[in-house]
C-alpha atoms as a PDB file:
ATOM      1  CA  MET A   1       9.296   2.719 -18.023  1.00  0.00           C
ATOM      2  CA  LYS A   2      11.789  -0.353 -18.286  1.00  0.00           C
ATOM      3  CA  TYR A   3      11.434  -0.812 -14.488  1.00  0.00           C
ATOM      4  CA  PHE A   4       7.779  -0.789 -14.339  1.00  0.00           C
ATOM      5  CA  LEU A   5       7.726  -3.413 -17.211  1.00  0.00           C
ATOM      6  CA  TYR A   6      10.656  -5.464 -15.467  1.00  0.00           C
ATOM      7  CA  CYS A   7       8.268  -5.538 -12.516  1.00  0.00           C
ATOM      8  CA  LEU A   8       5.523  -6.636 -14.462  1.00  0.00           C
ATOM      9  CA  LYS A   9       7.445  -9.433 -15.890  1.00  0.00           C
ATOM     10  CA  HIS A  10       8.658 -10.573 -12.346  1.00  0.00           C
ATOM     11  CA  TYR A  11       4.842 -10.312 -11.263  1.00  0.00           C
ATOM     12  CA  ALA A  12       5.128 -12.664  -8.183  1.00  0.00           C
ATOM     13  CA  ASP A  13       8.758 -12.933  -7.714  1.00  0.00           C
ATOM     14  CA  PHE A  14       9.377 -12.490  -4.046  1.00  0.00           C
ATOM     15  CA  SER A  15      13.097 -13.751  -4.107  1.00  0.00           C
ATOM     16  CA  GLY A  16      16.323 -11.571  -5.038  1.00  0.00           C
ATOM     17  CA  ARG A  17      16.902  -8.017  -4.254  1.00  0.00           C
ATOM     18  CA  ALA A  18      15.850  -4.811  -5.831  1.00  0.00           C
ATOM     19  CA  ARG A  19      17.532  -1.463  -6.312  1.00  0.00           C
ATOM     20  CA  ARG A  20      16.033   1.664  -5.099  1.00  0.00           C
ATOM     21  CA  SER A  21      15.888   2.600  -8.928  1.00  0.00           C
ATOM     22  CA  GLU A  22      13.958  -0.274  -9.708  1.00  0.00           C
ATOM     23  CA  PHE A  23      11.405   0.209  -6.663  1.00  0.00           C
ATOM     24  CA  TRP A  24      10.899   4.023  -7.083  1.00  0.00           C
ATOM     25  CA  TYR A  25      10.659   3.966 -10.656  1.00  0.00           C
ATOM     26  CA  PHE A  26       7.925   1.045 -10.526  1.00  0.00           C
ATOM     27  CA  GLN A  27       6.103   3.398  -7.806  1.00  0.00           C
ATOM     28  CA  LEU A  28       6.476   6.338 -10.234  1.00  0.00           C
ATOM     29  CA  PHE A  29       5.095   4.737 -13.200  1.00  0.00           C
ATOM     30  CA  ASN A  30       2.547   3.155 -11.039  1.00  0.00           C
ATOM     31  CA  VAL A  31       1.197   6.657  -9.921  1.00  0.00           C
ATOM     32  CA  LEU A  32       1.343   7.937 -13.547  1.00  0.00           C
ATOM     33  CA  ILE A  33      -0.605   5.464 -14.930  1.00  0.00           C
ATOM     34  CA  PHE A  34      -3.186   5.524 -12.503  1.00  0.00           C
ATOM     35  CA  ILE A  35      -3.590   9.516 -12.819  1.00  0.00           C
ATOM     36  CA  GLY A  36      -3.804   8.902 -16.640  1.00  0.00           C
ATOM     37  CA  ILE A  37      -6.515   6.193 -16.235  1.00  0.00           C
ATOM     38  CA  TYR A  38      -8.550   8.423 -13.757  1.00  0.00           C
ATOM     39  CA  LEU A  39      -8.172  11.635 -16.045  1.00  0.00           C
ATOM     40  CA  ILE A  40      -9.290   9.405 -19.036  1.00  0.00           C
ATOM     41  CA  ILE A  41     -12.515   8.058 -17.022  1.00  0.00           C
ATOM     42  CA  LEU A  42     -13.100  11.821 -15.920  1.00  0.00           C
ATOM     43  CA  ALA A  43     -13.075  12.829 -19.691  1.00  0.00           C
ATOM     44  CA  ILE A  44     -15.399  10.143 -20.802  1.00  0.00           C
ATOM     45  CA  LYS A  45     -17.823  10.899 -18.263  1.00  0.00           C
ATOM     46  CA  ARG A  46     -17.635  14.489 -19.075  1.00  0.00           C
ATOM     47  CA  VAL A  47     -18.275  13.751 -23.012  1.00  0.00           C
ATOM     48  CA  ILE A  48     -20.411  10.944 -22.999  1.00  0.00           C
ATOM     49  CA  GLY A  49     -21.873  11.325 -19.262  1.00  0.00           C
ATOM     50  CA  ILE A  50     -21.251   7.557 -18.250  1.00  0.00           C
ATOM     51  CA  ASP A  51     -19.888   7.144 -14.860  1.00  0.00           C
ATOM     52  CA  TRP A  52     -17.028   4.351 -15.185  1.00  0.00           C
ATOM     53  CA  SER A  53     -15.394   5.303 -11.894  1.00  0.00           C
ATOM     54  CA  PHE A  54     -15.903   1.799 -10.482  1.00  0.00           C
ATOM     55  CA  ILE A  55     -13.012   0.724 -13.376  1.00  0.00           C
ATOM     56  CA  ILE A  56     -10.407   3.035 -11.451  1.00  0.00           C
ATOM     57  CA  SER A  57     -10.542   0.008  -8.540  1.00  0.00           C
ATOM     58  CA  VAL A  58      -9.316  -2.462 -10.907  1.00  0.00           C
ATOM     59  CA  TYR A  59      -5.935  -1.067 -11.591  1.00  0.00           C
ATOM     60  CA  PRO A  60      -4.761  -1.096  -7.893  1.00  0.00           C
ATOM     61  CA  ILE A  61      -5.803  -4.385  -7.563  1.00  0.00           C
ATOM     62  CA  ALA A  62      -4.343  -5.795 -10.795  1.00  0.00           C
ATOM     63  CA  LEU A  63      -1.015  -4.270  -9.595  1.00  0.00           C
ATOM     64  CA  PHE A  64      -1.109  -5.556  -5.641  1.00  0.00           C
ATOM     65  CA  ILE A  65       0.893  -8.429  -6.088  1.00  0.00           C
ATOM     66  CA  PRO A  66       3.685  -6.753  -8.228  1.00  0.00           C
ATOM     67  CA  ASN A  67       3.787  -3.987  -5.570  1.00  0.00           C
ATOM     68  CA  LEU A  68       4.105  -6.490  -3.065  1.00  0.00           C
ATOM     69  CA  ALA A  69       6.825  -8.276  -4.546  1.00  0.00           C
ATOM     70  CA  VAL A  70       9.041  -5.507  -5.762  1.00  0.00           C
ATOM     71  CA  SER A  71       8.754  -4.140  -2.306  1.00  0.00           C
ATOM     72  CA  ALA A  72       9.639  -7.214  -0.700  1.00  0.00           C
ATOM     73  CA  ARG A  73      12.798  -7.505  -3.129  1.00  0.00           C
ATOM     74  CA  ARG A  74      13.487  -3.806  -1.928  1.00  0.00           C
ATOM     75  CA  LEU A  75      13.497  -4.892   1.957  1.00  0.00           C
ATOM     76  CA  HIS A  76      15.291  -7.719   0.964  1.00  0.00           C
ATOM     77  CA  ASP A  77      18.125  -5.194  -0.552  1.00  0.00           C
ATOM     78  CA  THR A  78      18.401  -3.769   2.739  1.00  0.00           C
ATOM     79  CA  ASN A  79      18.608  -7.385   4.478  1.00  0.00           C
ATOM     80  CA  ARG A  80      15.009  -7.469   5.853  1.00  0.00           C
ATOM     81  CA  SER A  81      12.171  -9.707   5.142  1.00  0.00           C
ATOM     82  CA  GLY A  82       9.500  -8.825   2.954  1.00  0.00           C
ATOM     83  CA  TRP A  83       7.255  -9.882   5.744  1.00  0.00           C
ATOM     84  CA  TRP A  84       7.412  -6.708   7.163  1.00  0.00           C
ATOM     85  CA  GLN A  85       5.091  -5.311   4.665  1.00  0.00           C
ATOM     86  CA  LEU A  86       2.432  -7.068   7.022  1.00  0.00           C
ATOM     87  CA  LEU A  87       2.785  -4.603   9.538  1.00  0.00           C
ATOM     88  CA  THR A  88       1.075  -1.611   7.338  1.00  0.00           C
ATOM     89  CA  ILE A  89      -1.448  -4.274   5.887  1.00  0.00           C
ATOM     90  CA  ILE A  90      -2.619  -5.238   9.237  1.00  0.00           C
ATOM     91  CA  THR A  91      -2.757  -2.024  10.583  1.00  0.00           C
ATOM     92  CA  GLY A  92      -4.484  -0.390   7.426  1.00  0.00           C
ATOM     93  CA  LEU A  93      -6.925  -3.335   7.997  1.00  0.00           C
ATOM     94  CA  ILE A  94      -7.598  -2.739  11.728  1.00  0.00           C
ATOM     95  CA  THR A  95      -8.049   0.855  10.945  1.00  0.00           C
ATOM     96  CA  PHE A  96     -10.522   0.268   8.268  1.00  0.00           C
ATOM     97  CA  GLY A  97     -12.388  -2.011  10.261  1.00  0.00           C
ATOM     98  CA  LEU A  98     -12.876   0.417  13.313  1.00  0.00           C
ATOM     99  CA  VAL A  99     -13.857   3.051  10.754  1.00  0.00           C
ATOM    100  CA  ILE A 100     -16.645   0.990   9.358  1.00  0.00           C
ATOM    101  CA  ILE A 101     -17.663  -0.137  12.853  1.00  0.00           C
ATOM    102  CA  LEU A 102     -17.816   3.293  14.229  1.00  0.00           C
ATOM    103  CA  VAL A 103     -19.850   4.690  11.149  1.00  0.00           C
ATOM    104  CA  TYR A 104     -22.178   1.986  11.601  1.00  0.00           C
ATOM    105  CA  LEU A 105     -22.847   2.431  15.104  1.00  0.00           C
ATOM    106  CA  LEU A 106     -23.445   6.187  14.689  1.00  0.00           C
ATOM    107  CA  PHE A 107     -25.261   5.560  11.626  1.00  0.00           C
ATOM    108  CA  PHE A 108     -27.637   2.995  13.504  1.00  0.00           C
ATOM    109  CA  TYR A 109     -28.336   4.958  16.556  1.00  0.00           C
ATOM    110  CA  ALA A 110     -28.904   8.094  14.494  1.00  0.00           C
ATOM    111  CA  ILE A 111     -31.484   6.349  11.977  1.00  0.00           C
ATOM    112  CA  TRP A 112     -33.471   4.241  14.553  1.00  0.00           C
ATOM    113  CA  GLY A 113     -33.447   7.240  17.147  1.00  0.00           C
ATOM    114  CA  ILE A 114     -32.062   5.142  20.165  1.00  0.00           C
ATOM    115  CA  ASP A 115     -31.378   6.966  22.933  1.00  0.00           C
ATOM    116  CA  MET A 116     -27.739   8.167  23.051  1.00  0.00           C
ATOM    117  CA  ARG A 117     -27.651   8.815  27.012  1.00  0.00           C
ATOM    118  CA  GLY A 118     -27.502   5.270  27.732  1.00  0.00           C
ATOM    119  CA  PHE A 119     -23.950   3.942  29.039  1.00  0.00           C
ATOM    120  CA  SER A 120     -23.556   1.582  26.059  1.00  0.00           C
ATOM    121  CA  ILE A 121     -23.191   3.790  23.094  1.00  0.00           C
ATOM    122  CA  PHE A 122     -21.299   6.381  24.887  1.00  0.00           C
ATOM    123  CA  MET A 123     -18.953   4.074  25.788  1.00  0.00           C
ATOM    124  CA  GLU A 124     -18.657   2.242  22.659  1.00  0.00           C
ATOM    125  CA  GLU A 125     -18.151   5.339  20.568  1.00  0.00           C
ATOM    126  CA  LYS A 126     -15.660   6.704  23.347  1.00  0.00           C
ATOM    127  CA  LEU A 127     -13.741   3.128  23.272  1.00  0.00           C
ATOM    128  CA  LEU A 128     -13.606   3.131  19.386  1.00  0.00           C
ATOM    129  CA  SER A 129     -12.707   6.538  19.195  1.00  0.00           C
ATOM    130  CA  VAL A 130      -9.563   6.192  21.141  1.00  0.00           C
ATOM    131  CA  LEU A 131      -9.079   2.592  19.186  1.00  0.00           C
ATOM    132  CA  LEU A 132      -9.064   4.141  15.857  1.00  0.00           C
ATOM    133  CA  PHE A 133      -6.724   6.938  17.148  1.00  0.00           C
ATOM    134  CA  ILE A 134      -4.506   4.460  18.316  1.00  0.00           C
ATOM    135  CA  SER A 135      -4.600   2.386  14.964  1.00  0.00           C
ATOM    136  CA  ILE A 136      -3.957   5.260  13.091  1.00  0.00           C
ATOM    137  CA  ILE A 137      -1.004   6.394  15.061  1.00  0.00           C
ATOM    138  CA  CYS A 138       0.425   3.080  14.337  1.00  0.00           C
ATOM    139  CA  HIS A 139      -0.571   2.585  10.648  1.00  0.00           C
ATOM    140  CA  ILE A 140       1.521   6.203  10.560  1.00  0.00           C
ATOM    141  CA  ALA A 141       4.429   4.853  12.258  1.00  0.00           C
ATOM    142  CA  ALA A 142       4.337   1.587  10.238  1.00  0.00           C
ATOM    143  CA  GLU A 143       4.363   3.492   6.996  1.00  0.00           C
ATOM    144  CA  ILE A 144       7.276   5.791   7.867  1.00  0.00           C
ATOM    145  CA  LEU A 145       9.290   3.028   9.007  1.00  0.00           C
ATOM    146  CA  LEU A 146       8.776   1.034   5.835  1.00  0.00           C
ATOM    147  CA  LEU A 147       9.331   4.535   3.951  1.00  0.00           C
ATOM    148  CA  VAL A 148      12.841   4.904   5.879  1.00  0.00           C
ATOM    149  CA  TRP A 149      13.607   1.109   4.927  1.00  0.00           C
ATOM    150  CA  TYR A 150      12.647   1.725   1.238  1.00  0.00           C
ATOM    151  CA  CYS A 151      15.028   4.867   1.071  1.00  0.00           C
ATOM    152  CA  ARG A 152      17.885   3.463   2.512  1.00  0.00           C
ATOM    153  CA  ASP A 153      21.067   2.078   0.536  1.00  0.00           C
ATOM    154  CA  SER A 154      21.443  -1.299  -0.285  1.00  0.00           C
ATOM    155  CA  GLN A 155      23.375  -3.542   2.161  1.00  0.00           C
ATOM    156  CA  GLN A 156      26.766  -4.231   0.750  1.00  0.00           C
ATOM    157  CA  GLY A 157      27.889  -7.727  -0.617  1.00  0.00           C
ATOM    158  CA  VAL A 158      25.973 -10.628  -0.616  1.00  0.00           C
ATOM    159  CA  ASN A 159      23.367 -11.023   2.151  1.00  0.00           C
ATOM    160  CA  ARG A 160      20.812 -13.877   3.023  1.00  0.00           C
ATOM    161  CA  PHE A 161      18.488 -12.875   0.213  1.00  0.00           C
ATOM    162  CA  GLY A 162      21.064 -12.940  -2.675  1.00  0.00           C
ATOM    163  CA  PRO A 163      24.169 -10.749  -4.286  1.00  0.00           C
ATOM    164  CA  ASN A 164      23.944  -7.036  -4.204  1.00  0.00           C
ATOM    165  CA  PRO A 165      22.055  -5.599  -7.653  1.00  0.00           C
ATOM    166  CA  LYS A 166      24.620  -2.936  -7.659  1.00  0.00           C
ATOM    167  CA  GLU A 167      27.836  -4.965  -7.715  1.00  0.00           C
ATOM    168  CA  GLY A 168      29.226  -7.809 -10.225  1.00  0.00           C
ATOM    169  CA  ASN A 169      27.624  -8.808 -13.362  1.00  0.00           C
ATOM    170  CA  ASN A 170      23.973  -8.148 -12.262  1.00  0.00           C
ATOM    171  CA  ALA A 171      24.406  -4.452 -11.664  1.00  0.00           C
ATOM    172  CA  ASN A 172      21.062  -3.694 -13.931  1.00  0.00           C
ATOM    173  CA  PRO A 173      18.803  -6.392 -14.212  1.00  0.00           C
ATOM    174  CA  VAL A 174      16.820  -3.849 -16.551  1.00  0.00           C
ATOM    175  CA  GLN A 175      18.783  -4.300 -19.888  1.00  0.00           C
END
């Protein structure tokens, strides 16, 4: 829990380095708290009958910046720029956009009863499906790449982002 609170105190600190323990404990408590909030909302819905499920979307939004910050510091610890996170963000947004467009086209043509034998809808649907498949593969590859980097050990000694948090006086920033 101390690593989670430490990351919240350094809400938008994108400088320096973060050890694996700081990063993974933050992620662990992030998931556990999210599950706890979800279970509380389910219990409220079951007991009172009020659906407050929209509240569950507030938590990830509130922790978006701290998550980016600790992820950037973790990448710094492996001597990589925090900007590498954009790889997953951009591929995720492209995938989401293509899903929305594809669903819109299929819904629009199905509701309005437009003749689907035409060249236009068939080609749009096929092209979007191929692009969606490619973007999903790219997104998965980017997530795997970042996961591997997050799991790697710290670069020994001082790098361009600062001293190694495992070595020296700053061995454990969380006291």
